[in-house]
Amino acid sequence: MEVLLIIVVGIAIFVFKWWLFDIKRKKRRDYYRNVYLKSDEWQRKRYVVFKRDNWRCVYCGERATEVHHKRYAKRNIGKEPIKWLVSVCKPCHDKQH
């Protein structure tokens, strides 16, 4: 009986931690999409990346319209270095995701 109780409590703790993780993940994603990508800071970074890459997609050479994160700064949204960003066209960006 005690073993069953320990198992049930362990599962409950696991589910609760997963639920909290999911809430935090959604908050980070919403902030990233709805605040950071609309900020002046992002627009400046985006311009620097386009200029560095000559407004061309680094994968196919077509005109770039988007900036792709090769890596994300998990805990520091907006702290990604320019070298983690590349200019891409929409079709190539869709392929990357």
Protein backbone atom coordinates (compact mmCIF):
# COMPACT_ATOMS: atom_id res chain seq x y z
CA MET A 1 0.00 0.00 0.00
CA GLU A 2 2.82 2.40 0.89
CA VAL A 3 4.60 1.65 -2.37
CA LEU A 4 1.46 2.50 -4.33
CA LEU A 5 1.13 5.78 -2.45
CA ILE A 6 4.77 6.66 -3.20
CA ILE A 7 4.25 5.90 -6.89
CA VAL A 8 1.07 8.02 -7.05
CA VAL A 9 2.75 10.94 -5.28
CA GLY A 10 5.78 10.65 -7.59
CA ILE A 11 3.55 10.74 -10.67
CA ALA A 12 1.62 13.73 -9.28
CA ILE A 13 4.85 15.64 -8.67
CA PHE A 14 6.09 14.83 -12.18
CA VAL A 15 2.83 16.00 -13.78
CA PHE A 16 2.83 19.20 -11.71
CA LYS A 17 6.42 20.03 -12.67
CA TRP A 18 5.66 19.38 -16.35
CA TRP A 19 2.60 21.63 -16.12
CA LEU A 20 4.68 24.46 -14.59
CA PHE A 21 7.38 24.00 -17.25
CA ASP A 22 4.74 24.23 -19.99
CA ILE A 23 3.29 27.45 -18.54
CA LYS A 24 6.75 29.06 -18.39
CA ARG A 25 7.53 27.92 -21.94
CA LYS A 26 4.31 29.45 -23.25
CA LYS A 27 4.99 32.74 -21.43
CA ARG A 28 8.49 32.93 -22.96
CA ARG A 29 7.12 32.14 -26.42
CA ASP A 30 4.35 34.74 -26.14
CA TYR A 31 6.80 37.41 -24.93
CA TYR A 32 9.20 36.55 -27.76
CA ARG A 33 6.51 36.71 -30.46
CA ASN A 34 4.36 39.57 -29.18
CA VAL A 35 6.91 41.87 -27.55
CA TYR A 36 10.51 41.19 -28.53
CA LEU A 37 10.04 40.65 -32.29
CA LYS A 38 8.13 43.96 -32.45
CA SER A 39 10.75 45.92 -30.49
CA ASP A 40 13.12 48.55 -31.87
CA GLU A 41 16.02 46.48 -30.54
CA TRP A 42 15.01 43.51 -32.74
CA GLN A 43 14.44 45.76 -35.76
CA ARG A 44 18.00 47.13 -35.41
CA LYS A 45 19.47 43.63 -35.08
CA ARG A 46 17.43 42.47 -38.06
CA TYR A 47 18.78 45.34 -40.18
CA VAL A 48 22.38 44.57 -39.19
CA VAL A 49 21.93 40.91 -40.17
CA PHE A 50 20.34 41.78 -43.53
CA LYS A 51 23.12 44.26 -44.28
CA ARG A 52 25.85 41.78 -43.29
CA ASP A 53 24.32 39.10 -45.55
CA ASN A 54 23.76 41.57 -48.42
CA TRP A 55 19.97 41.15 -48.19
CA ARG A 56 20.37 37.64 -49.60
CA CYS A 57 19.26 34.26 -48.23
CA VAL A 58 22.33 32.43 -46.92
CA TYR A 59 20.87 29.10 -48.10
CA CYS A 60 19.72 29.78 -51.68
CA GLY A 61 20.85 33.32 -52.57
CA GLU A 62 17.35 34.70 -53.19
CA ARG A 63 16.23 38.02 -51.67
CA ALA A 64 16.05 37.63 -47.88
CA THR A 65 12.85 38.70 -46.14
CA GLU A 66 13.30 37.13 -42.70
CA VAL A 67 15.97 36.52 -40.08
CA HIS A 68 16.48 33.02 -38.73
CA HIS A 69 17.90 32.18 -35.29
CA LYS A 70 20.43 29.37 -35.69
CA ARG A 71 20.45 29.18 -31.89
CA TYR A 72 18.35 30.69 -29.13
CA ALA A 73 19.47 32.25 -25.87
CA LYS A 74 17.06 30.19 -23.77
CA ARG A 75 16.96 32.33 -20.67
CA ASN A 76 17.94 35.65 -22.22
CA ILE A 77 15.53 36.59 -24.95
CA GLY A 78 17.09 39.40 -26.91
CA LYS A 79 20.64 38.60 -25.84
CA GLU A 80 21.48 36.49 -28.89
CA PRO A 81 24.70 37.52 -30.64
CA ILE A 82 24.48 38.60 -34.27
CA LYS A 83 26.51 35.55 -35.31
CA TRP A 84 23.55 33.33 -34.27
CA LEU A 85 21.30 35.10 -36.82
CA VAL A 86 21.15 34.66 -40.59
CA SER A 87 19.15 36.24 -43.42
CA VAL A 88 16.74 33.87 -45.16
CA CYS A 89 13.91 33.87 -47.68
CA LYS A 90 10.50 32.59 -46.52
CA PRO A 91 10.73 29.16 -48.25
CA CYS A 92 14.15 28.45 -46.72
CA HIS A 93 12.99 29.67 -43.31
CA ASP A 94 10.01 27.32 -43.48
CA LYS A 95 12.38 24.44 -44.33
CA GLN A 96 14.50 25.27 -41.28
CA HIS A 97 11.47 24.81 -39.03
